[in-house]
mmCIF file of all heavy atoms, coordinates in Angstrom:
data_MODEL
# 
_entry.id   MODEL 
# 
loop_
_atom_site.group_PDB 
_atom_site.id 
_atom_site.type_symbol 
_atom_site.label_atom_id 
_atom_site.label_alt_id 
_atom_site.label_comp_id 
_atom_site.label_asym_id 
_atom_site.label_entity_id 
_atom_site.label_seq_id 
_atom_site.pdbx_PDB_ins_code 
_atom_site.Cartn_x 
_atom_site.Cartn_y 
_atom_site.Cartn_z 
_atom_site.occupancy 
_atom_site.B_iso_or_equiv 
_atom_site.pdbx_formal_charge 
_atom_site.auth_seq_id 
_atom_site.auth_comp_id 
_atom_site.auth_asym_id 
_atom_site.auth_atom_id 
_atom_site.pdbx_PDB_model_num 
ATOM 1   N N   . GLU A 1 1  ? 0.785  -1.213  -0.024  1.00 0.00 ? 1  GLU A N   1 
ATOM 2   C CA  . GLU A 1 1  ? -0.006 -0.007  -0.003  1.00 0.00 ? 1  GLU A CA  1 
ATOM 3   C C   . GLU A 1 1  ? 0.801  1.279   -0.010  1.00 0.00 ? 1  GLU A C   1 
ATOM 4   O O   . GLU A 1 1  ? 0.387  2.364   -0.373  1.00 0.00 ? 1  GLU A O   1 
ATOM 5   C CB  . GLU A 1 1  ? -0.920 0.033   1.200   1.00 0.00 ? 1  GLU A CB  1 
ATOM 6   C CG  . GLU A 1 1  ? -1.883 -1.113  1.313   1.00 0.00 ? 1  GLU A CG  1 
ATOM 7   C CD  . GLU A 1 1  ? -1.265 -2.381  1.924   1.00 0.00 ? 1  GLU A CD  1 
ATOM 8   O OE1 . GLU A 1 1  ? -0.210 -2.349  2.588   1.00 0.00 ? 1  GLU A OE1 1 
ATOM 9   O OE2 . GLU A 1 1  ? -1.832 -3.473  1.762   1.00 0.00 ? 1  GLU A OE2 1 
ATOM 10  N N   . THR A 1 2  ? 2.091  1.178   0.504   1.00 0.00 ? 2  THR A N   1 
ATOM 11  C CA  . THR A 1 2  ? 2.999  2.296   0.471   1.00 0.00 ? 2  THR A CA  1 
ATOM 12  C C   . THR A 1 2  ? 3.879  2.249   -0.807  1.00 0.00 ? 2  THR A C   1 
ATOM 13  O O   . THR A 1 2  ? 3.954  1.209   -1.472  1.00 0.00 ? 2  THR A O   1 
ATOM 14  C CB  . THR A 1 2  ? 3.830  2.369   1.715   1.00 0.00 ? 2  THR A CB  1 
ATOM 15  O OG1 . THR A 1 2  ? 4.693  1.224   1.650   1.00 0.00 ? 2  THR A OG1 1 
ATOM 16  C CG2 . THR A 1 2  ? 3.099  2.440   2.971   1.00 0.00 ? 2  THR A CG2 1 
ATOM 17  N N   . ARG A 1 3  ? 4.433  3.413   -1.176  1.00 0.00 ? 3  ARG A N   1 
ATOM 18  C CA  . ARG A 1 3  ? 5.287  3.448   -2.308  1.00 0.00 ? 3  ARG A CA  1 
ATOM 19  C C   . ARG A 1 3  ? 6.280  4.625   -2.304  1.00 0.00 ? 3  ARG A C   1 
ATOM 20  O O   . ARG A 1 3  ? 6.071  5.557   -1.633  1.00 0.00 ? 3  ARG A O   1 
ATOM 21  C CB  . ARG A 1 3  ? 4.419  3.536   -3.594  1.00 0.00 ? 3  ARG A CB  1 
ATOM 22  C CG  . ARG A 1 3  ? 3.755  4.828   -3.724  1.00 0.00 ? 3  ARG A CG  1 
ATOM 23  C CD  . ARG A 1 3  ? 3.016  4.967   -5.044  1.00 0.00 ? 3  ARG A CD  1 
ATOM 24  N NE  . ARG A 1 3  ? 2.399  6.235   -5.241  1.00 0.00 ? 3  ARG A NE  1 
ATOM 25  C CZ  . ARG A 1 3  ? 1.140  6.543   -5.302  1.00 0.00 ? 3  ARG A CZ  1 
ATOM 26  N NH1 . ARG A 1 3  ? 0.239  5.576   -5.211  1.00 0.00 ? 3  ARG A NH1 1 
ATOM 27  N NH2 . ARG A 1 3  ? 0.711  7.741   -5.489  1.00 0.00 ? 3  ARG A NH2 1 
ATOM 28  N N   . TRP A 1 4  ? 7.231  4.435   -3.199  1.00 0.00 ? 4  TRP A N   1 
ATOM 29  C CA  . TRP A 1 4  ? 8.101  5.636   -3.529  1.00 0.00 ? 4  TRP A CA  1 
ATOM 30  C C   . TRP A 1 4  ? 7.637  6.174   -4.855  1.00 0.00 ? 4  TRP A C   1 
ATOM 31  O O   . TRP A 1 4  ? 7.265  5.411   -5.781  1.00 0.00 ? 4  TRP A O   1 
ATOM 32  C CB  . TRP A 1 4  ? 9.560  5.167   -3.607  1.00 0.00 ? 4  TRP A CB  1 
ATOM 33  C CG  . TRP A 1 4  ? 10.452 6.278   -4.034  1.00 0.00 ? 4  TRP A CG  1 
ATOM 34  C CD1 . TRP A 1 4  ? 11.069 7.186   -3.228  1.00 0.00 ? 4  TRP A CD1 1 
ATOM 35  C CD2 . TRP A 1 4  ? 10.872 6.574   -5.439  1.00 0.00 ? 4  TRP A CD2 1 
ATOM 36  N NE1 . TRP A 1 4  ? 11.783 8.071   -4.024  1.00 0.00 ? 4  TRP A NE1 1 
ATOM 37  C CE2 . TRP A 1 4  ? 11.666 7.643   -5.349  1.00 0.00 ? 4  TRP A CE2 1 
ATOM 38  C CE3 . TRP A 1 4  ? 10.584 5.914   -6.650  1.00 0.00 ? 4  TRP A CE3 1 
ATOM 39  C CZ2 . TRP A 1 4  ? 12.213 8.231   -6.520  1.00 0.00 ? 4  TRP A CZ2 1 
ATOM 40  C CZ3 . TRP A 1 4  ? 11.118 6.545   -7.774  1.00 0.00 ? 4  TRP A CZ3 1 
ATOM 41  C CH2 . TRP A 1 4  ? 11.974 7.637   -7.662  1.00 0.00 ? 4  TRP A CH2 1 
ATOM 42  N N   . ASP A 1 5  ? 7.606  7.490   -4.992  1.00 0.00 ? 5  ASP A N   1 
ATOM 43  C CA  . ASP A 1 5  ? 7.094  8.125   -6.187  1.00 0.00 ? 5  ASP A CA  1 
ATOM 44  C C   . ASP A 1 5  ? 8.101  9.257   -6.623  1.00 0.00 ? 5  ASP A C   1 
ATOM 45  O O   . ASP A 1 5  ? 8.448  10.059  -5.768  1.00 0.00 ? 5  ASP A O   1 
ATOM 46  C CB  . ASP A 1 5  ? 5.719  8.690   -5.844  1.00 0.00 ? 5  ASP A CB  1 
ATOM 47  C CG  . ASP A 1 5  ? 4.975  9.219   -7.083  1.00 0.00 ? 5  ASP A CG  1 
ATOM 48  O OD1 . ASP A 1 5  ? 5.580  9.817   -7.926  1.00 0.00 ? 5  ASP A OD1 1 
ATOM 49  O OD2 . ASP A 1 5  ? 3.785  8.955   -7.126  1.00 0.00 ? 5  ASP A OD2 1 
ATOM 50  N N   . SER A 1 6  ? 8.485  9.233   -7.882  1.00 0.00 ? 6  SER A N   1 
ATOM 51  C CA  . SER A 1 6  ? 9.433  10.196  -8.385  1.00 0.00 ? 6  SER A CA  1 
ATOM 52  C C   . SER A 1 6  ? 8.859  11.643  -8.366  1.00 0.00 ? 6  SER A C   1 
ATOM 53  O O   . SER A 1 6  ? 9.574  12.612  -8.320  1.00 0.00 ? 6  SER A O   1 
ATOM 54  C CB  . SER A 1 6  ? 9.930  9.864   -9.747  1.00 0.00 ? 6  SER A CB  1 
ATOM 55  O OG  . SER A 1 6  ? 8.868  10.012  -10.682 1.00 0.00 ? 6  SER A OG  1 
ATOM 56  N N   . GLU A 1 7  ? 7.493  11.740  -8.412  1.00 0.00 ? 7  GLU A N   1 
ATOM 57  C CA  . GLU A 1 7  ? 6.781  12.981  -8.406  1.00 0.00 ? 7  GLU A CA  1 
ATOM 58  C C   . GLU A 1 7  ? 7.050  13.910  -9.598  1.00 0.00 ? 7  GLU A C   1 
ATOM 59  O O   . GLU A 1 7  ? 6.634  15.000  -9.694  1.00 0.00 ? 7  GLU A O   1 
ATOM 60  C CB  . GLU A 1 7  ? 7.025  13.808  -7.091  1.00 0.00 ? 7  GLU A CB  1 
ATOM 61  C CG  . GLU A 1 7  ? 6.559  13.067  -5.904  1.00 0.00 ? 7  GLU A CG  1 
ATOM 62  C CD  . GLU A 1 7  ? 6.716  13.822  -4.608  1.00 0.00 ? 7  GLU A CD  1 
ATOM 63  O OE1 . GLU A 1 7  ? 7.225  14.971  -4.602  1.00 0.00 ? 7  GLU A OE1 1 
ATOM 64  O OE2 . GLU A 1 7  ? 6.218  13.371  -3.585  1.00 0.00 ? 7  GLU A OE2 1 
ATOM 65  N N   . VAL A 1 8  ? 7.846  13.370  -10.540 1.00 0.00 ? 8  VAL A N   1 
ATOM 66  C CA  . VAL A 1 8  ? 8.080  14.068  -11.891 1.00 0.00 ? 8  VAL A CA  1 
ATOM 67  C C   . VAL A 1 8  ? 8.036  12.974  -12.894 1.00 0.00 ? 8  VAL A C   1 
ATOM 68  O O   . VAL A 1 8  ? 8.047  11.767  -12.691 1.00 0.00 ? 8  VAL A O   1 
ATOM 69  C CB  . VAL A 1 8  ? 9.454  14.752  -11.917 1.00 0.00 ? 8  VAL A CB  1 
ATOM 70  C CG1 . VAL A 1 8  ? 9.500  15.880  -10.888 1.00 0.00 ? 8  VAL A CG1 1 
ATOM 71  C CG2 . VAL A 1 8  ? 10.579 13.821  -11.702 1.00 0.00 ? 8  VAL A CG2 1 
ATOM 72  N N   . ALA A 1 9  ? 7.846  13.406  -14.174 1.00 0.00 ? 9  ALA A N   1 
ATOM 73  C CA  . ALA A 1 9  ? 7.755  12.442  -15.374 1.00 0.00 ? 9  ALA A CA  1 
ATOM 74  C C   . ALA A 1 9  ? 8.980  11.553  -15.354 1.00 0.00 ? 9  ALA A C   1 
ATOM 75  O O   . ALA A 1 9  ? 10.056 11.935  -15.145 1.00 0.00 ? 9  ALA A O   1 
ATOM 76  C CB  . ALA A 1 9  ? 7.609  13.324  -16.611 1.00 0.00 ? 9  ALA A CB  1 
ATOM 77  N N   . LEU A 1 10 ? 8.702  10.311  -15.739 1.00 0.00 ? 10 LEU A N   1 
ATOM 78  C CA  . LEU A 1 10 ? 9.722  9.258   -15.812 1.00 0.00 ? 10 LEU A CA  1 
ATOM 79  C C   . LEU A 1 10 ? 10.719 9.644   -16.862 1.00 0.00 ? 10 LEU A C   1 
ATOM 80  O O   . LEU A 1 10 ? 10.386 10.021  -17.963 1.00 0.00 ? 10 LEU A O   1 
ATOM 81  C CB  . LEU A 1 10 ? 9.022  7.943   -16.195 1.00 0.00 ? 10 LEU A CB  1 
ATOM 82  C CG  . LEU A 1 10 ? 9.966  6.765   -16.549 1.00 0.00 ? 10 LEU A CG  1 
ATOM 83  C CD1 . LEU A 1 10 ? 10.739 6.328   -15.298 1.00 0.00 ? 10 LEU A CD1 1 
ATOM 84  C CD2 . LEU A 1 10 ? 9.172  5.620   -17.079 1.00 0.00 ? 10 LEU A CD2 1 
ATOM 85  N N   . THR A 1 11 ? 12.022 9.490   -16.543 1.00 0.00 ? 11 THR A N   1 
ATOM 86  C CA  . THR A 1 11 ? 13.118 9.699   -17.481 1.00 0.00 ? 11 THR A CA  1 
ATOM 87  C C   . THR A 1 11 ? 14.017 8.458   -17.381 1.00 0.00 ? 11 THR A C   1 
ATOM 88  O O   . THR A 1 11 ? 14.051 7.833   -16.360 1.00 0.00 ? 11 THR A O   1 
ATOM 89  C CB  . THR A 1 11 ? 13.846 11.058  -17.211 1.00 0.00 ? 11 THR A CB  1 
ATOM 90  O OG1 . THR A 1 11 ? 14.504 10.911  -15.915 1.00 0.00 ? 11 THR A OG1 1 
ATOM 91  C CG2 . THR A 1 11 ? 12.996 12.195  -17.264 1.00 0.00 ? 11 THR A CG2 1 
ATOM 92  N N   . GLY A 1 12 ? 14.777 8.304   -18.393 1.00 0.00 ? 12 GLY A N   1 
ATOM 93  C CA  . GLY A 1 12 ? 15.670 7.101   -18.466 1.00 0.00 ? 12 GLY A CA  1 
ATOM 94  C C   . GLY A 1 12 ? 16.914 7.199   -17.478 1.00 0.00 ? 12 GLY A C   1 
ATOM 95  O O   . GLY A 1 12 ? 17.561 6.201   -17.331 1.00 0.00 ? 12 GLY A O   1 
ATOM 96  N N   . ASP A 1 13 ? 17.139 8.379   -16.952 1.00 0.00 ? 13 ASP A N   1 
ATOM 97  C CA  . ASP A 1 13 ? 18.326 8.476   -16.091 1.00 0.00 ? 13 ASP A CA  1 
ATOM 98  C C   . ASP A 1 13 ? 17.983 8.375   -14.637 1.00 0.00 ? 13 ASP A C   1 
ATOM 99  O O   . ASP A 1 13 ? 18.843 8.583   -13.788 1.00 0.00 ? 13 ASP A O   1 
ATOM 100 C CB  . ASP A 1 13 ? 19.091 9.757   -16.351 1.00 0.00 ? 13 ASP A CB  1 
ATOM 101 C CG  . ASP A 1 13 ? 18.268 11.004  -16.091 1.00 0.00 ? 13 ASP A CG  1 
ATOM 102 O OD1 . ASP A 1 13 ? 17.003 10.877  -15.966 1.00 0.00 ? 13 ASP A OD1 1 
ATOM 103 O OD2 . ASP A 1 13 ? 18.818 12.092  -16.093 1.00 0.00 ? 13 ASP A OD2 1 
ATOM 104 N N   . MET A 1 14 ? 16.733 8.080   -14.290 1.00 0.00 ? 14 MET A N   1 
ATOM 105 C CA  . MET A 1 14 ? 16.362 7.882   -12.918 1.00 0.00 ? 14 MET A CA  1 
ATOM 106 C C   . MET A 1 14 ? 16.861 6.589   -12.309 1.00 0.00 ? 14 MET A C   1 
ATOM 107 O O   . MET A 1 14 ? 17.102 5.593   -13.044 1.00 0.00 ? 14 MET A O   1 
ATOM 108 C CB  . MET A 1 14 ? 14.808 7.889   -12.762 1.00 0.00 ? 14 MET A CB  1 
ATOM 109 C CG  . MET A 1 14 ? 14.177 9.163   -13.032 1.00 0.00 ? 14 MET A CG  1 
ATOM 110 S SD  . MET A 1 14 ? 12.355 9.059   -12.802 1.00 0.00 ? 14 MET A SD  1 
ATOM 111 C CE  . MET A 1 14 ? 11.954 10.802  -12.869 1.00 0.00 ? 14 MET A CE  1 
ATOM 112 N N   . TRP A 1 15 ? 17.059 6.545   -11.009 1.00 0.00 ? 15 TRP A N   1 
ATOM 113 C CA  . TRP A 1 15 ? 17.446 5.334   -10.345 1.00 0.00 ? 15 TRP A CA  1 
ATOM 114 C C   . TRP A 1 15 ? 17.048 5.400   -8.924  1.00 0.00 ? 15 TRP A C   1 
ATOM 115 O O   . TRP A 1 15 ? 16.817 6.507   -8.346  1.00 0.00 ? 15 TRP A O   1 
ATOM 116 C CB  . TRP A 1 15 ? 18.931 4.940   -10.473 1.00 0.00 ? 15 TRP A CB  1 
ATOM 117 C CG  . TRP A 1 15 ? 19.879 6.050   -10.052 1.00 0.00 ? 15 TRP A CG  1 
ATOM 118 C CD1 . TRP A 1 15 ? 20.321 7.084   -10.846 1.00 0.00 ? 15 TRP A CD1 1 
ATOM 119 C CD2 . TRP A 1 15 ? 20.373 6.297   -8.715  1.00 0.00 ? 15 TRP A CD2 1 
ATOM 120 N NE1 . TRP A 1 15 ? 21.160 7.966   -10.103 1.00 0.00 ? 15 TRP A NE1 1 
ATOM 121 C CE2 . TRP A 1 15 ? 21.195 7.455   -8.819  1.00 0.00 ? 15 TRP A CE2 1 
ATOM 122 C CE3 . TRP A 1 15 ? 20.272 5.660   -7.475  1.00 0.00 ? 15 TRP A CE3 1 
ATOM 123 C CZ2 . TRP A 1 15 ? 21.877 7.968   -7.689  1.00 0.00 ? 15 TRP A CZ2 1 
ATOM 124 C CZ3 . TRP A 1 15 ? 20.947 6.095   -6.383  1.00 0.00 ? 15 TRP A CZ3 1 
ATOM 125 C CH2 . TRP A 1 15 ? 21.775 7.265   -6.503  1.00 0.00 ? 15 TRP A CH2 1 
ATOM 126 N N   . TRP A 1 16 ? 16.853 4.203   -8.295  1.00 0.00 ? 16 TRP A N   1 
ATOM 127 C CA  . TRP A 1 16 ? 16.496 4.096   -6.831  1.00 0.00 ? 16 TRP A CA  1 
ATOM 128 C C   . TRP A 1 16 ? 17.466 3.077   -6.265  1.00 0.00 ? 16 TRP A C   1 
ATOM 129 O O   . TRP A 1 16 ? 17.689 2.044   -6.845  1.00 0.00 ? 16 TRP A O   1 
ATOM 130 C CB  . TRP A 1 16 ? 15.062 3.690   -6.805  1.00 0.00 ? 16 TRP A CB  1 
ATOM 131 C CG  . TRP A 1 16 ? 14.478 3.495   -5.434  1.00 0.00 ? 16 TRP A CG  1 
ATOM 132 C CD1 . TRP A 1 16 ? 13.871 4.472   -4.700  1.00 0.00 ? 16 TRP A CD1 1 
ATOM 133 C CD2 . TRP A 1 16 ? 14.447 2.326   -4.642  1.00 0.00 ? 16 TRP A CD2 1 
ATOM 134 N NE1 . TRP A 1 16 ? 13.470 3.968   -3.461  1.00 0.00 ? 16 TRP A NE1 1 
ATOM 135 C CE2 . TRP A 1 16 ? 13.827 2.635   -3.383  1.00 0.00 ? 16 TRP A CE2 1 
ATOM 136 C CE3 . TRP A 1 16 ? 14.959 0.978   -4.775  1.00 0.00 ? 16 TRP A CE3 1 
ATOM 137 C CZ2 . TRP A 1 16 ? 13.606 1.713   -2.367  1.00 0.00 ? 16 TRP A CZ2 1 
ATOM 138 C CZ3 . TRP A 1 16 ? 14.692 0.060   -3.802  1.00 0.00 ? 16 TRP A CZ3 1 
ATOM 139 C CH2 . TRP A 1 16 ? 14.054 0.453   -2.611  1.00 0.00 ? 16 TRP A CH2 1 
ATOM 140 N N   . GLN A 1 17 ? 17.921 3.399   -5.091  1.00 0.00 ? 17 GLN A N   1 
ATOM 141 C CA  . GLN A 1 17 ? 19.036 2.515   -4.493  1.00 0.00 ? 17 GLN A CA  1 
ATOM 142 C C   . GLN A 1 17 ? 18.647 2.094   -3.125  1.00 0.00 ? 17 GLN A C   1 
ATOM 143 O O   . GLN A 1 17 ? 18.059 2.853   -2.338  1.00 0.00 ? 17 GLN A O   1 
ATOM 144 C CB  . GLN A 1 17 ? 20.340 3.348   -4.448  1.00 0.00 ? 17 GLN A CB  1 
ATOM 145 C CG  . GLN A 1 17 ? 21.524 2.550   -3.873  1.00 0.00 ? 17 GLN A CG  1 
ATOM 146 C CD  . GLN A 1 17 ? 22.792 3.302   -3.939  1.00 0.00 ? 17 GLN A CD  1 
ATOM 147 O OE1 . GLN A 1 17 ? 23.213 3.769   -5.044  1.00 0.00 ? 17 GLN A OE1 1 
ATOM 148 N NE2 . GLN A 1 17 ? 23.424 3.523   -2.798  1.00 0.00 ? 17 GLN A NE2 1 
ATOM 149 N N   . LEU A 1 18 ? 18.973 0.831   -2.816  1.00 0.00 ? 18 LEU A N   1 
ATOM 150 C CA  . LEU A 1 18 ? 18.750 0.251   -1.557  1.00 0.00 ? 18 LEU A CA  1 
ATOM 151 C C   . LEU A 1 18 ? 20.101 -0.243  -0.943  1.00 0.00 ? 18 LEU A C   1 
ATOM 152 O O   . LEU A 1 18 ? 20.887 -0.857  -1.614  1.00 0.00 ? 18 LEU A O   1 
ATOM 153 C CB  . LEU A 1 18 ? 17.834 -0.970  -1.721  1.00 0.00 ? 18 LEU A CB  1 
ATOM 154 C CG  . LEU A 1 18 ? 17.504 -1.790  -0.456  1.00 0.00 ? 18 LEU A CG  1 
ATOM 155 C CD1 . LEU A 1 18 ? 16.819 -1.020  0.626   1.00 0.00 ? 18 LEU A CD1 1 
ATOM 156 C CD2 . LEU A 1 18 ? 16.679 -3.047  -0.892  1.00 0.00 ? 18 LEU A CD2 1 
ATOM 157 N N   . ASP A 1 19 ? 20.388 0.169   0.301   1.00 0.00 ? 19 ASP A N   1 
ATOM 158 C CA  . ASP A 1 19 ? 21.591 -0.238  1.050   1.00 0.00 ? 19 ASP A CA  1 
ATOM 159 C C   . ASP A 1 19 ? 21.142 -1.259  2.033   1.00 0.00 ? 19 ASP A C   1 
ATOM 160 O O   . ASP A 1 19 ? 20.346 -0.969  2.963   1.00 0.00 ? 19 ASP A O   1 
ATOM 161 C CB  . ASP A 1 19 ? 22.196 1.046   1.741   1.00 0.00 ? 19 ASP A CB  1 
ATOM 162 C CG  . ASP A 1 19 ? 23.425 0.612   2.507   1.00 0.00 ? 19 ASP A CG  1 
ATOM 163 O OD1 . ASP A 1 19 ? 23.755 -0.581  2.715   1.00 0.00 ? 19 ASP A OD1 1 
ATOM 164 O OD2 . ASP A 1 19 ? 24.134 1.541   2.961   1.00 0.00 ? 19 ASP A OD2 1 
ATOM 165 N N   . LEU A 1 20 ? 21.593 -2.548  1.812   1.00 0.00 ? 20 LEU A N   1 
ATOM 166 C CA  . LEU A 1 20 ? 21.276 -3.593  2.766   1.00 0.00 ? 20 LEU A CA  1 
ATOM 167 C C   . LEU A 1 20 ? 22.040 -3.542  4.063   1.00 0.00 ? 20 LEU A C   1 
ATOM 168 O O   . LEU A 1 20 ? 21.770 -4.326  4.948   1.00 0.00 ? 20 LEU A O   1 
ATOM 169 C CB  . LEU A 1 20 ? 21.455 -4.960  2.078   1.00 0.00 ? 20 LEU A CB  1 
ATOM 170 C CG  . LEU A 1 20 ? 20.666 -5.176  0.810   1.00 0.00 ? 20 LEU A CG  1 
ATOM 171 C CD1 . LEU A 1 20 ? 21.137 -6.493  0.112   1.00 0.00 ? 20 LEU A CD1 1 
ATOM 172 C CD2 . LEU A 1 20 ? 19.183 -5.220  1.108   1.00 0.00 ? 20 LEU A CD2 1 
ATOM 173 N N   . GLY A 1 21 ? 23.035 -2.620  4.217   1.00 0.00 ? 21 GLY A N   1 
ATOM 174 C CA  . GLY A 1 21 ? 23.755 -2.497  5.406   1.00 0.00 ? 21 GLY A CA  1 
ATOM 175 C C   . GLY A 1 21 ? 25.014 -3.286  5.476   1.00 0.00 ? 21 GLY A C   1 
ATOM 176 O O   . GLY A 1 21 ? 25.961 -2.941  6.199   1.00 0.00 ? 21 GLY A O   1 
ATOM 177 N N   . ARG A 1 22 ? 25.077 -4.392  4.730   1.00 0.00 ? 22 ARG A N   1 
ATOM 178 C CA  . ARG A 1 22 ? 26.226 -5.222  4.615   1.00 0.00 ? 22 ARG A CA  1 
ATOM 179 C C   . ARG A 1 22 ? 26.099 -6.153  3.429   1.00 0.00 ? 22 ARG A C   1 
ATOM 180 O O   . ARG A 1 22 ? 24.972 -6.239  2.931   1.00 0.00 ? 22 ARG A O   1 
ATOM 181 C CB  . ARG A 1 22 ? 26.453 -6.095  5.906   1.00 0.00 ? 22 ARG A CB  1 
ATOM 182 C CG  . ARG A 1 22 ? 25.381 -7.060  6.121   1.00 0.00 ? 22 ARG A CG  1 
ATOM 183 C CD  . ARG A 1 22 ? 25.554 -7.915  7.324   1.00 0.00 ? 22 ARG A CD  1 
ATOM 184 N NE  . ARG A 1 22 ? 24.442 -8.913  7.365   1.00 0.00 ? 22 ARG A NE  1 
ATOM 185 C CZ  . ARG A 1 22 ? 24.060 -9.438  8.489   1.00 0.00 ? 22 ARG A CZ  1 
ATOM 186 N NH1 . ARG A 1 22 ? 24.589 -9.143  9.598   1.00 0.00 ? 22 ARG A NH1 1 
ATOM 187 N NH2 . ARG A 1 22 ? 23.013 -10.348 8.438   1.00 0.00 ? 22 ARG A NH2 1 
ATOM 188 N N   . ILE A 1 23 ? 27.124 -6.801  3.036   1.00 0.00 ? 23 ILE A N   1 
ATOM 189 C CA  . ILE A 1 23 ? 27.017 -7.668  1.878   1.00 0.00 ? 23 ILE A CA  1 
ATOM 190 C C   . ILE A 1 23 ? 26.107 -8.838  2.305   1.00 0.00 ? 23 ILE A C   1 
ATOM 191 O O   . ILE A 1 23 ? 26.393 -9.484  3.281   1.00 0.00 ? 23 ILE A O   1 
ATOM 192 C CB  . ILE A 1 23 ? 28.386 -8.145  1.380   1.00 0.00 ? 23 ILE A CB  1 
ATOM 193 C CG1 . ILE A 1 23 ? 29.141 -6.927  0.837   1.00 0.00 ? 23 ILE A CG1 1 
ATOM 194 C CG2 . ILE A 1 23 ? 28.237 -9.241  0.382   1.00 0.00 ? 23 ILE A CG2 1 
ATOM 195 C CD1 . ILE A 1 23 ? 30.567 -7.273  0.407   1.00 0.00 ? 23 ILE A CD1 1 
ATOM 196 N N   . GLU A 1 24 ? 25.117 -9.129  1.464   1.00 0.00 ? 24 GLU A N   1 
ATOM 197 C CA  . GLU A 1 24 ? 24.197 -10.167 1.689   1.00 0.00 ? 24 GLU A CA  1 
ATOM 198 C C   . GLU A 1 24 ? 24.176 -11.150 0.545   1.00 0.00 ? 24 GLU A C   1 
ATOM 199 O O   . GLU A 1 24 ? 24.465 -10.748 -0.614  1.00 0.00 ? 24 GLU A O   1 
ATOM 200 C CB  . GLU A 1 24 ? 22.723 -9.628  1.852   1.00 0.00 ? 24 GLU A CB  1 
ATOM 201 C CG  . GLU A 1 24 ? 22.542 -8.686  3.043   1.00 0.00 ? 24 GLU A CG  1 
ATOM 202 C CD  . GLU A 1 24 ? 22.439 -9.493  4.400   1.00 0.00 ? 24 GLU A CD  1 
ATOM 203 O OE1 . GLU A 1 24 ? 22.370 -10.721 4.341   1.00 0.00 ? 24 GLU A OE1 1 
ATOM 204 O OE2 . GLU A 1 24 ? 22.422 -8.801  5.412   1.00 0.00 ? 24 GLU A OE2 1 
ATOM 205 N N   . THR A 1 25 ? 23.843 -12.394 0.787   1.00 0.00 ? 25 THR A N   1 
ATOM 206 C CA  . THR A 1 25 ? 23.657 -13.385 -0.265  1.00 0.00 ? 25 THR A CA  1 
ATOM 207 C C   . THR A 1 25 ? 22.204 -13.643 -0.454  1.00 0.00 ? 25 THR A C   1 
ATOM 208 O O   . THR A 1 25 ? 21.518 -13.839 0.541   1.00 0.00 ? 25 THR A O   1 
ATOM 209 C CB  . THR A 1 25 ? 24.402 -14.644 0.034   1.00 0.00 ? 25 THR A CB  1 
ATOM 210 O OG1 . THR A 1 25 ? 25.776 -14.334 0.233   1.00 0.00 ? 25 THR A OG1 1 
ATOM 211 C CG2 . THR A 1 25 ? 24.335 -15.763 -1.061  1.00 0.00 ? 25 THR A CG2 1 
ATOM 212 N N   . PHE A 1 26 ? 21.745 -13.607 -1.656  1.00 0.00 ? 26 PHE A N   1 
ATOM 213 C CA  . PHE A 1 26 ? 20.250 -13.819 -1.944  1.00 0.00 ? 26 PHE A CA  1 
ATOM 214 C C   . PHE A 1 26 ? 20.029 -14.439 -3.311  1.00 0.00 ? 26 PHE A C   1 
ATOM 215 O O   . PHE A 1 26 ? 20.967 -14.471 -4.157  1.00 0.00 ? 26 PHE A O   1 
ATOM 216 C CB  . PHE A 1 26 ? 19.560 -12.480 -1.806  1.00 0.00 ? 26 PHE A CB  1 
ATOM 217 C CG  . PHE A 1 26 ? 20.116 -11.364 -2.668  1.00 0.00 ? 26 PHE A CG  1 
ATOM 218 C CD1 . PHE A 1 26 ? 19.712 -11.215 -3.956  1.00 0.00 ? 26 PHE A CD1 1 
ATOM 219 C CD2 . PHE A 1 26 ? 21.133 -10.586 -2.162  1.00 0.00 ? 26 PHE A CD2 1 
ATOM 220 C CE1 . PHE A 1 26 ? 20.261 -10.127 -4.735  1.00 0.00 ? 26 PHE A CE1 1 
ATOM 221 C CE2 . PHE A 1 26 ? 21.716 -9.577  -2.940  1.00 0.00 ? 26 PHE A CE2 1 
ATOM 222 C CZ  . PHE A 1 26 ? 21.277 -9.358  -4.275  1.00 0.00 ? 26 PHE A CZ  1 
ATOM 223 N N   . LYS A 1 27 ? 18.875 -14.966 -3.458  1.00 0.00 ? 27 LYS A N   1 
ATOM 224 C CA  . LYS A 1 27 ? 18.540 -15.649 -4.783  1.00 0.00 ? 27 LYS A CA  1 
ATOM 225 C C   . LYS A 1 27 ? 18.010 -14.690 -5.788  1.00 0.00 ? 27 LYS A C   1 
ATOM 226 O O   . LYS A 1 27 ? 18.379 -14.672 -6.942  1.00 0.00 ? 27 LYS A O   1 
ATOM 227 C CB  . LYS A 1 27 ? 17.433 -16.698 -4.508  1.00 0.00 ? 27 LYS A CB  1 
ATOM 228 C CG  . LYS A 1 27 ? 17.918 -17.944 -3.939  1.00 0.00 ? 27 LYS A CG  1 
ATOM 229 C CD  . LYS A 1 27 ? 16.699 -18.976 -3.920  1.00 0.00 ? 27 LYS A CD  1 
ATOM 230 C CE  . LYS A 1 27 ? 17.242 -20.326 -3.383  1.00 0.00 ? 27 LYS A CE  1 
ATOM 231 N NZ  . LYS A 1 27 ? 16.127 -21.270 -3.342  1.00 0.00 ? 27 LYS A NZ  1 
# 
């Protein structure tokens, strides 16, 4: 129900980053 929103028109140079806090192994 929650989200992140750029609040401006989509462009190809946008990015969103997540820091897991340490190196994690995942599938």
